[in-house]
Amino acid sequence: MTEEELVLGPGEVLALYSDGIVERRGEPLDVGIANLSATLAAGAGVDLLDDLADAIVARHCQKPSDDCCLLLVRRSVLSPGPGTSPPAS
């Protein structure tokens, strides 16, 4: 087993999902993943993750033959407070 580290940039979203979101009978898994990626990209400007999650569930879990579990995490975009400098890039 290897360990990987992923650093999300400010405003970026991490989507963790079960196979029921992307798998469909008679359809390659790559197609399901591409469809989910397209839904995520289309919702890139959505302020509330609840709205993005609702859009994903509405599109990808209409007639699930498997479980549909989804967790979305967005890194906050924080502005520096008074008297502080922005973090170095």
PDB file of N, CA and C in Angstrom:
ATOM      1  N   MET A   1       0.839  -1.158   0.000  1.00  0.00           N
ATOM      2  CA  MET A   1       0.000   0.000   0.000  1.00  0.00           C
ATOM      3  C   MET A   1       0.898   1.239   0.000  1.00  0.00           C
ATOM      4  N   THR A   2       0.551   2.206  -0.817  1.00  0.00           N
ATOM      5  CA  THR A   2       1.309   3.452  -0.841  1.00  0.00           C
ATOM      6  C   THR A   2       0.476   4.577  -0.249  1.00  0.00           C
ATOM      7  N   GLU A   3       1.158   5.542   0.256  1.00  0.00           N
ATOM      8  CA  GLU A   3       0.486   6.697   0.841  1.00  0.00           C
ATOM      9  C   GLU A   3       0.690   7.892  -0.079  1.00  0.00           C
ATOM     10  N   GLU A   4      -0.369   8.600  -0.329  1.00  0.00           N
ATOM     11  CA  GLU A   4      -0.324   9.787  -1.179  1.00  0.00           C
ATOM     12  C   GLU A   4      -0.851  10.973  -0.389  1.00  0.00           C
ATOM     13  N   GLU A   5      -0.367  12.141  -0.704  1.00  0.00           N
ATOM     14  CA  GLU A   5      -0.874  13.360  -0.091  1.00  0.00           C
ATOM     15  C   GLU A   5      -1.465  14.238  -1.180  1.00  0.00           C
ATOM     16  N   LEU A   6      -2.641  14.750  -0.916  1.00  0.00           N
ATOM     17  CA  LEU A   6      -3.326  15.636  -1.853  1.00  0.00           C
ATOM     18  C   LEU A   6      -3.562  16.951  -1.141  1.00  0.00           C
ATOM     19  N   VAL A   7      -3.133  18.034  -1.753  1.00  0.00           N
ATOM     20  CA  VAL A   7      -3.352  19.352  -1.181  1.00  0.00           C
ATOM     21  C   VAL A   7      -4.373  20.071  -2.046  1.00  0.00           C
ATOM     22  N   LEU A   8      -5.504  20.407  -1.439  1.00  0.00           N
ATOM     23  CA  LEU A   8      -6.531  21.149  -2.158  1.00  0.00           C
ATOM     24  C   LEU A   8      -6.191  22.629  -2.143  1.00  0.00           C
ATOM     25  N   GLY A   9      -6.336  23.260  -3.285  1.00  0.00           N
ATOM     26  CA  GLY A   9      -6.169  24.704  -3.345  1.00  0.00           C
ATOM     27  C   GLY A   9      -7.427  25.381  -2.831  1.00  0.00           C
ATOM     28  N   PRO A  10      -7.324  26.650  -2.477  1.00  0.00           N
ATOM     29  CA  PRO A  10      -8.494  27.374  -1.986  1.00  0.00           C
ATOM     30  C   PRO A  10      -9.665  27.283  -2.977  1.00  0.00           C
ATOM     31  N   GLY A  11     -10.818  26.860  -2.470  1.00  0.00           N
ATOM     32  CA  GLY A  11     -12.021  26.733  -3.295  1.00  0.00           C
ATOM     33  C   GLY A  11     -12.163  25.408  -4.010  1.00  0.00           C
ATOM     34  N   GLU A  12     -11.124  24.577  -4.017  1.00  0.00           N
ATOM     35  CA  GLU A  12     -11.209  23.281  -4.698  1.00  0.00           C
ATOM     36  C   GLU A  12     -12.068  22.306  -3.903  1.00  0.00           C
ATOM     37  N   VAL A  13     -12.689  21.375  -4.634  1.00  0.00           N
ATOM     38  CA  VAL A  13     -13.601  20.404  -4.027  1.00  0.00           C
ATOM     39  C   VAL A  13     -13.041  18.999  -4.198  1.00  0.00           C
ATOM     40  N   LEU A  14     -13.098  18.228  -3.117  1.00  0.00           N
ATOM     41  CA  LEU A  14     -12.768  16.808  -3.137  1.00  0.00           C
ATOM     42  C   LEU A  14     -14.080  16.043  -3.069  1.00  0.00           C
ATOM     43  N   ALA A  15     -14.284  15.110  -3.994  1.00  0.00           N
ATOM     44  CA  ALA A  15     -15.499  14.296  -4.011  1.00  0.00           C
ATOM     45  C   ALA A  15     -15.126  12.850  -3.715  1.00  0.00           C
ATOM     46  N   LEU A  16     -15.714  12.309  -2.659  1.00  0.00           N
ATOM     47  CA  LEU A  16     -15.579  10.896  -2.329  1.00  0.00           C
ATOM     48  C   LEU A  16     -16.941  10.275  -2.569  1.00  0.00           C
ATOM     49  N   TYR A  17     -16.977   9.140  -3.279  1.00  0.00           N
ATOM     50  CA  TYR A  17     -18.263   8.574  -3.669  1.00  0.00           C
ATOM     51  C   TYR A  17     -18.188   7.067  -3.740  1.00  0.00           C
ATOM     52  N   SER A  18     -19.345   6.446  -3.595  1.00  0.00           N
ATOM     53  CA  SER A  18     -19.429   4.990  -3.722  1.00  0.00           C
ATOM     54  C   SER A  18     -19.620   4.615  -5.192  1.00  0.00           C
ATOM     55  N   ASP A  19     -19.427   3.349  -5.480  1.00  0.00           N
ATOM     56  CA  ASP A  19     -19.517   2.884  -6.869  1.00  0.00           C
ATOM     57  C   ASP A  19     -20.909   3.062  -7.462  1.00  0.00           C
ATOM     58  N   GLY A  20     -21.928   3.134  -6.625  1.00  0.00           N
ATOM     59  CA  GLY A  20     -23.287   3.309  -7.142  1.00  0.00           C
ATOM     60  C   GLY A  20     -23.510   4.632  -7.848  1.00  0.00           C
ATOM     61  N   ILE A  21     -22.645   5.613  -7.590  1.00  0.00           N
ATOM     62  CA  ILE A  21     -22.754   6.913  -8.265  1.00  0.00           C
ATOM     63  C   ILE A  21     -22.281   6.802  -9.717  1.00  0.00           C
ATOM     64  N   VAL A  22     -21.287   5.959  -9.981  1.00  0.00           N
ATOM     65  CA  VAL A  22     -20.656   5.937 -11.307  1.00  0.00           C
ATOM     66  C   VAL A  22     -20.873   4.653 -12.102  1.00  0.00           C
ATOM     67  N   GLU A  23     -21.325   3.573 -11.476  1.00  0.00           N
ATOM     68  CA  GLU A  23     -21.492   2.303 -12.203  1.00  0.00           C
ATOM     69  C   GLU A  23     -22.907   2.149 -12.724  1.00  0.00           C
ATOM     70  N   ARG A  24     -23.020   1.740 -13.992  1.00  0.00           N
ATOM     71  CA  ARG A  24     -24.302   1.433 -14.616  1.00  0.00           C
ATOM     72  C   ARG A  24     -24.135   0.148 -15.407  1.00  0.00           C
ATOM     73  N   ARG A  25     -25.146  -0.704 -15.367  1.00  0.00           N
ATOM     74  CA  ARG A  25     -25.090  -1.949 -16.145  1.00  0.00           C
ATOM     75  C   ARG A  25     -24.944  -1.626 -17.631  1.00  0.00           C
ATOM     76  N   GLY A  26     -24.057  -2.341 -18.271  1.00  0.00           N
ATOM     77  CA  GLY A  26     -23.873  -2.188 -19.707  1.00  0.00           C
ATOM     78  C   GLY A  26     -23.114  -0.932 -20.113  1.00  0.00           C
ATOM     79  N   GLU A  27     -22.542  -0.221 -19.135  1.00  0.00           N
ATOM     80  CA  GLU A  27     -21.822   1.024 -19.443  1.00  0.00           C
ATOM     81  C   GLU A  27     -20.427   0.925 -18.826  1.00  0.00           C
ATOM     82  N   PRO A  28     -19.389   1.254 -19.595  1.00  0.00           N
ATOM     83  CA  PRO A  28     -18.036   1.207 -19.024  1.00  0.00           C
ATOM     84  C   PRO A  28     -17.908   2.152 -17.822  1.00  0.00           C
ATOM     85  N   LEU A  29     -17.116   1.746 -16.845  1.00  0.00           N
ATOM     86  CA  LEU A  29     -16.906   2.561 -15.653  1.00  0.00           C
ATOM     87  C   LEU A  29     -16.346   3.939 -16.008  1.00  0.00           C
ATOM     88  N   ASP A  30     -15.488   4.000 -17.021  1.00  0.00           N
ATOM     89  CA  ASP A  30     -14.915   5.285 -17.446  1.00  0.00           C
ATOM     90  C   ASP A  30     -15.997   6.287 -17.837  1.00  0.00           C
ATOM     91  N   VAL A  31     -17.074   5.804 -18.419  1.00  0.00           N
ATOM     92  CA  VAL A  31     -18.177   6.681 -18.823  1.00  0.00           C
ATOM     93  C   VAL A  31     -18.848   7.274 -17.584  1.00  0.00           C
ATOM     94  N   GLY A  32     -19.091   6.445 -16.578  1.00  0.00           N
ATOM     95  CA  GLY A  32     -19.701   6.933 -15.345  1.00  0.00           C
ATOM     96  C   GLY A  32     -18.829   7.953 -14.638  1.00  0.00           C
ATOM     97  N   ILE A  33     -17.533   7.707 -14.607  1.00  0.00           N
ATOM     98  CA  ILE A  33     -16.608   8.648 -13.975  1.00  0.00           C
ATOM     99  C   ILE A  33     -16.553   9.947 -14.768  1.00  0.00           C
ATOM    100  N   ALA A  34     -16.543   9.850 -16.096  1.00  0.00           N
ATOM    101  CA  ALA A  34     -16.550  11.062 -16.934  1.00  0.00           C
ATOM    102  C   ALA A  34     -17.832  11.861 -16.727  1.00  0.00           C
ATOM    103  N   ASN A  35     -18.964  11.164 -16.593  1.00  0.00           N
ATOM    104  CA  ASN A  35     -20.239  11.862 -16.349  1.00  0.00           C
ATOM    105  C   ASN A  35     -20.222  12.588 -15.002  1.00  0.00           C
ATOM    106  N   LEU A  36     -19.691  11.938 -13.976  1.00  0.00           N
ATOM    107  CA  LEU A  36     -19.590  12.579 -12.670  1.00  0.00           C
ATOM    108  C   LEU A  36     -18.640  13.776 -12.738  1.00  0.00           C
ATOM    109  N   SER A  37     -17.532  13.615 -13.423  1.00  0.00           N
ATOM    110  CA  SER A  37     -16.585  14.728 -13.587  1.00  0.00           C
ATOM    111  C   SER A  37     -17.239  15.916 -14.271  1.00  0.00           C
ATOM    112  N   ALA A  38     -18.056  15.642 -15.274  1.00  0.00           N
ATOM    113  CA  ALA A  38     -18.759  16.719 -15.982  1.00  0.00           C
ATOM    114  C   ALA A  38     -19.748  17.425 -15.057  1.00  0.00           C
ATOM    115  N   THR A  39     -20.447  16.671 -14.221  1.00  0.00           N
ATOM    116  CA  THR A  39     -21.388  17.274 -13.274  1.00  0.00           C
ATOM    117  C   THR A  39     -20.642  18.136 -12.256  1.00  0.00           C
ATOM    118  N   LEU A  40     -19.508  17.639 -11.783  1.00  0.00           N
ATOM    119  CA  LEU A  40     -18.699  18.421 -10.843  1.00  0.00           C
ATOM    120  C   LEU A  40     -18.184  19.700 -11.496  1.00  0.00           C
ATOM    121  N   ALA A  41     -17.713  19.602 -12.730  1.00  0.00           N
ATOM    122  CA  ALA A  41     -17.205  20.782 -13.436  1.00  0.00           C
ATOM    123  C   ALA A  41     -18.310  21.799 -13.676  1.00  0.00           C
ATOM    124  N   ALA A  42     -19.496  21.321 -14.018  1.00  0.00           N
ATOM    125  CA  ALA A  42     -20.623  22.224 -14.262  1.00  0.00           C
ATOM    126  C   ALA A  42     -21.036  22.953 -12.985  1.00  0.00           C
ATOM    127  N   GLY A  43     -20.791  22.340 -11.839  1.00  0.00           N
ATOM    128  CA  GLY A  43     -21.164  22.955 -10.569  1.00  0.00           C
ATOM    129  C   GLY A  43     -20.020  23.676  -9.885  1.00  0.00           C
ATOM    130  N   ALA A  44     -18.947  23.947 -10.628  1.00  0.00           N
ATOM    131  CA  ALA A  44     -17.759  24.565 -10.032  1.00  0.00           C
ATOM    132  C   ALA A  44     -18.042  25.904  -9.376  1.00  0.00           C
ATOM    133  N   GLY A  45     -18.996  26.666  -9.890  1.00  0.00           N
ATOM    134  CA  GLY A  45     -19.270  27.978  -9.333  1.00  0.00           C
ATOM    135  C   GLY A  45     -20.337  27.990  -8.258  1.00  0.00           C
ATOM    136  N   VAL A  46     -20.848  26.827  -7.897  1.00  0.00           N
ATOM    137  CA  VAL A  46     -21.919  26.745  -6.899  1.00  0.00           C
ATOM    138  C   VAL A  46     -21.351  27.107  -5.527  1.00  0.00           C
ATOM    139  N   ASP A  47     -22.031  28.010  -4.831  1.00  0.00           N
ATOM    140  CA  ASP A  47     -21.561  28.449  -3.516  1.00  0.00           C
ATOM    141  C   ASP A  47     -21.748  27.376  -2.447  1.00  0.00           C
ATOM    142  N   LEU A  48     -22.901  26.736  -2.431  1.00  0.00           N
ATOM    143  CA  LEU A  48     -23.201  25.761  -1.389  1.00  0.00           C
ATOM    144  C   LEU A  48     -22.946  24.339  -1.879  1.00  0.00           C
ATOM    145  N   LEU A  49     -22.179  23.587  -1.110  1.00  0.00           N
ATOM    146  CA  LEU A  49     -21.930  22.198  -1.490  1.00  0.00           C
ATOM    147  C   LEU A  49     -23.213  21.380  -1.471  1.00  0.00           C
ATOM    148  N   ASP A  50     -24.189  21.772  -0.645  1.00  0.00           N
ATOM    149  CA  ASP A  50     -25.481  21.071  -0.637  1.00  0.00           C
ATOM    150  C   ASP A  50     -26.124  21.118  -2.013  1.00  0.00           C
ATOM    151  N   ASP A  51     -26.034  22.273  -2.679  1.00  0.00           N
ATOM    152  CA  ASP A  51     -26.619  22.403  -4.021  1.00  0.00           C
ATOM    153  C   ASP A  51     -25.888  21.510  -5.025  1.00  0.00           C
ATOM    154  N   LEU A  52     -24.567  21.459  -4.930  1.00  0.00           N
ATOM    155  CA  LEU A  52     -23.797  20.590  -5.818  1.00  0.00           C
ATOM    156  C   LEU A  52     -24.116  19.125  -5.542  1.00  0.00           C
ATOM    157  N   ALA A  53     -24.204  18.752  -4.268  1.00  0.00           N
ATOM    158  CA  ALA A  53     -24.549  17.374  -3.911  1.00  0.00           C
ATOM    159  C   ALA A  53     -25.936  17.008  -4.429  1.00  0.00           C
ATOM    160  N   ASP A  54     -26.891  17.939  -4.304  1.00  0.00           N
ATOM    161  CA  ASP A  54     -28.242  17.686  -4.820  1.00  0.00           C
ATOM    162  C   ASP A  54     -28.225  17.454  -6.326  1.00  0.00           C
ATOM    163  N   ALA A  55     -27.420  18.238  -7.045  1.00  0.00           N
ATOM    164  CA  ALA A  55     -27.328  18.082  -8.502  1.00  0.00           C
ATOM    165  C   ALA A  55     -26.727  16.724  -8.867  1.00  0.00           C
ATOM    166  N   ILE A  56     -25.717  16.292  -8.121  1.00  0.00           N
ATOM    167  CA  ILE A  56     -25.087  14.996  -8.394  1.00  0.00           C
ATOM    168  C   ILE A  56     -26.071  13.857  -8.119  1.00  0.00           C
ATOM    169  N   VAL A  57     -26.751  13.918  -6.989  1.00  0.00           N
ATOM    170  CA  VAL A  57     -27.714  12.865  -6.645  1.00  0.00           C
ATOM    171  C   VAL A  57     -28.850  12.831  -7.661  1.00  0.00           C
ATOM    172  N   ALA A  58     -29.347  14.004  -8.061  1.00  0.00           N
ATOM    173  CA  ALA A  58     -30.443  14.056  -9.038  1.00  0.00           C
ATOM    174  C   ALA A  58     -30.027  13.449 -10.372  1.00  0.00           C
ATOM    175  N   ARG A  59     -28.800  13.662 -10.779  1.00  0.00           N
ATOM    176  CA  ARG A  59     -28.363  13.165 -12.089  1.00  0.00           C
ATOM    177  C   ARG A  59     -27.882  11.713 -12.050  1.00  0.00           C
ATOM    178  N   HIS A  60     -27.240  11.314 -10.959  1.00  0.00           N
ATOM    179  CA  HIS A  60     -26.545  10.018 -10.945  1.00  0.00           C
ATOM    180  C   HIS A  60     -27.212   8.956 -10.081  1.00  0.00           C
ATOM    181  N   CYS A  61     -28.259   9.303  -9.363  1.00  0.00           N
ATOM    182  CA  CYS A  61     -28.890   8.317  -8.467  1.00  0.00           C
ATOM    183  C   CYS A  61     -30.389   8.223  -8.706  1.00  0.00           C
ATOM    184  N   GLN A  62     -30.835   8.397  -9.942  1.00  0.00           N
ATOM    185  CA  GLN A  62     -32.261   8.325 -10.255  1.00  0.00           C
ATOM    186  C   GLN A  62     -32.826   6.933 -10.003  1.00  0.00           C
ATOM    187  N   LYS A  63     -32.185   5.928 -10.562  1.00  0.00           N
ATOM    188  CA  LYS A  63     -32.642   4.541 -10.403  1.00  0.00           C
ATOM    189  C   LYS A  63     -31.438   3.694 -10.013  1.00  0.00           C
ATOM    190  N   PRO A  64     -30.958   3.889  -8.798  1.00  0.00           N
ATOM    191  CA  PRO A  64     -29.737   3.165  -8.428  1.00  0.00           C
ATOM    192  C   PRO A  64     -29.977   1.668  -8.279  1.00  0.00           C
ATOM    193  N   SER A  65     -29.042   0.898  -8.794  1.00  0.00           N
ATOM    194  CA  SER A  65     -29.077  -0.548  -8.580  1.00  0.00           C
ATOM    195  C   SER A  65     -28.074  -0.891  -7.482  1.00  0.00           C
ATOM    196  N   ASP A  66     -27.462   0.129  -6.933  1.00  0.00           N
ATOM    197  CA  ASP A  66     -26.450  -0.018  -5.896  1.00  0.00           C
ATOM    198  C   ASP A  66     -26.579   1.184  -4.964  1.00  0.00           C
ATOM    199  N   ASP A  67     -25.771   1.203  -3.912  1.00  0.00           N
ATOM    200  CA  ASP A  67     -25.800   2.334  -2.993  1.00  0.00           C
ATOM    201  C   ASP A  67     -25.311   3.609  -3.685  1.00  0.00           C
ATOM    202  N   CYS A  68     -25.766   4.738  -3.207  1.00  0.00           N
ATOM    203  CA  CYS A  68     -25.308   6.045  -3.694  1.00  0.00           C
ATOM    204  C   CYS A  68     -24.892   6.864  -2.485  1.00  0.00           C
ATOM    205  N   CYS A  69     -23.587   6.906  -2.227  1.00  0.00           N
ATOM    206  CA  CYS A  69     -23.049   7.683  -1.115  1.00  0.00           C
ATOM    207  C   CYS A  69     -22.097   8.727  -1.667  1.00  0.00           C
ATOM    208  N   LEU A  70     -22.169   9.923  -1.106  1.00  0.00           N
ATOM    209  CA  LEU A  70     -21.384  11.031  -1.614  1.00  0.00           C
ATOM    210  C   LEU A  70     -20.930  11.909  -0.457  1.00  0.00           C
ATOM    211  N   LEU A  71     -19.664  12.304  -0.478  1.00  0.00           N
ATOM    212  CA  LEU A  71     -19.121  13.255   0.482  1.00  0.00           C
ATOM    213  C   LEU A  71     -18.336  14.294  -0.305  1.00  0.00           C
ATOM    214  N   LEU A  72     -18.710  15.554  -0.159  1.00  0.00           N
ATOM    215  CA  LEU A  72     -18.004  16.650  -0.814  1.00  0.00           C
ATOM    216  C   LEU A  72     -17.334  17.505   0.248  1.00  0.00           C
ATOM    217  N   VAL A  73     -16.079  17.871  -0.002  1.00  0.00           N
ATOM    218  CA  VAL A  73     -15.320  18.719   0.910  1.00  0.00           C
ATOM    219  C   VAL A  73     -14.716  19.839   0.084  1.00  0.00           C
ATOM    220  N   ARG A  74     -14.894  21.081   0.547  1.00  0.00           N
ATOM    221  CA  ARG A  74     -14.300  22.227  -0.150  1.00  0.00           C
ATOM    222  C   ARG A  74     -13.356  22.938   0.799  1.00  0.00           C
ATOM    223  N   ARG A  75     -12.177  23.241   0.281  1.00  0.00           N
ATOM    224  CA  ARG A  75     -11.230  24.041   1.068  1.00  0.00           C
ATOM    225  C   ARG A  75     -11.704  25.483   1.059  1.00  0.00           C
ATOM    226  N   SER A  76     -11.770  26.068   2.232  1.00  0.00           N
ATOM    227  CA  SER A  76     -12.233  27.454   2.358  1.00  0.00           C
ATOM    228  C   SER A  76     -11.244  28.417   1.722  1.00  0.00           C
ATOM    229  N   VAL A  77     -11.784  29.511   1.267  1.00  0.00           N
ATOM    230  CA  VAL A  77     -10.967  30.615   0.779  1.00  0.00           C
ATOM    231  C   VAL A  77     -11.022  31.660   1.884  1.00  0.00           C
ATOM    232  N   LEU A  78      -9.949  31.767   2.618  1.00  0.00           N
ATOM    233  CA  LEU A  78      -9.915  32.700   3.735  1.00  0.00           C
ATOM    234  C   LEU A  78      -9.165  33.959   3.337  1.00  0.00           C
ATOM    235  N   SER A  79      -9.736  35.085   3.672  1.00  0.00           N
ATOM    236  CA  SER A  79      -9.017  36.332   3.442  1.00  0.00           C
ATOM    237  C   SER A  79      -8.267  36.677   4.719  1.00  0.00           C
ATOM    238  N   PRO A  80      -7.072  37.247   4.579  1.00  0.00           N
ATOM    239  CA  PRO A  80      -6.316  37.557   5.769  1.00  0.00           C
ATOM    240  C   PRO A  80      -7.043  38.594   6.631  1.00  0.00           C
ATOM    241  N   GLY A  81      -6.929  38.423   7.921  1.00  0.00           N
ATOM    242  CA  GLY A  81      -7.547  39.372   8.847  1.00  0.00           C
ATOM    243  C   GLY A  81      -6.714  40.641   8.948  1.00  0.00           C
ATOM    244  N   PRO A  82      -7.238  41.622   9.656  1.00  0.00           N
ATOM    245  CA  PRO A  82      -6.503  42.882   9.814  1.00  0.00           C
ATOM    246  C   PRO A  82      -5.156  42.629  10.487  1.00  0.00           C
ATOM    247  N   GLY A  83      -4.121  43.247   9.943  1.00  0.00           N
ATOM    248  CA  GLY A  83      -2.791  43.137  10.544  1.00  0.00           C
ATOM    249  C   GLY A  83      -2.057  41.857  10.228  1.00  0.00           C
ATOM    250  N   THR A  84      -2.592  41.047   9.306  1.00  0.00           N
ATOM    251  CA  THR A  84      -1.906  39.813   8.927  1.00  0.00           C
ATOM    252  C   THR A  84      -1.546  39.864   7.461  1.00  0.00           C
ATOM    253  N   SER A  85      -0.528  39.097   7.110  1.00  0.00           N
ATOM    254  CA  SER A  85      -0.149  39.030   5.695  1.00  0.00           C
ATOM    255  C   SER A  85      -0.669  37.734   5.105  1.00  0.00           C
ATOM    256  N   PRO A  86      -0.941  37.748   3.788  1.00  0.00           N
ATOM    257  CA  PRO A  86      -1.384  36.507   3.152  1.00  0.00           C
ATOM    258  C   PRO A  86      -0.266  35.468   3.214  1.00  0.00           C
ATOM    259  N   PRO A  87      -0.615  34.184   3.217  1.00  0.00           N
ATOM    260  CA  PRO A  87       0.413  33.142   3.246  1.00  0.00           C
ATOM    261  C   PRO A  87       1.296  33.208   2.005  1.00  0.00           C
ATOM    262  N   ALA A  88       2.540  32.838   2.186  1.00  0.00           N
ATOM    263  CA  ALA A  88       3.478  32.795   1.053  1.00  0.00           C
ATOM    264  C   ALA A  88       3.086  31.688   0.108  1.00  0.00           C
ATOM    265  N   SER A  89       3.262  31.921  -1.197  1.00  0.00           N
ATOM    266  CA  SER A  89       2.895  30.879  -2.160  1.00  0.00           C
ATOM    267  C   SER A  89       4.050  30.005  -2.494  1.00  0.00           C
TER     268      SER A  89
END
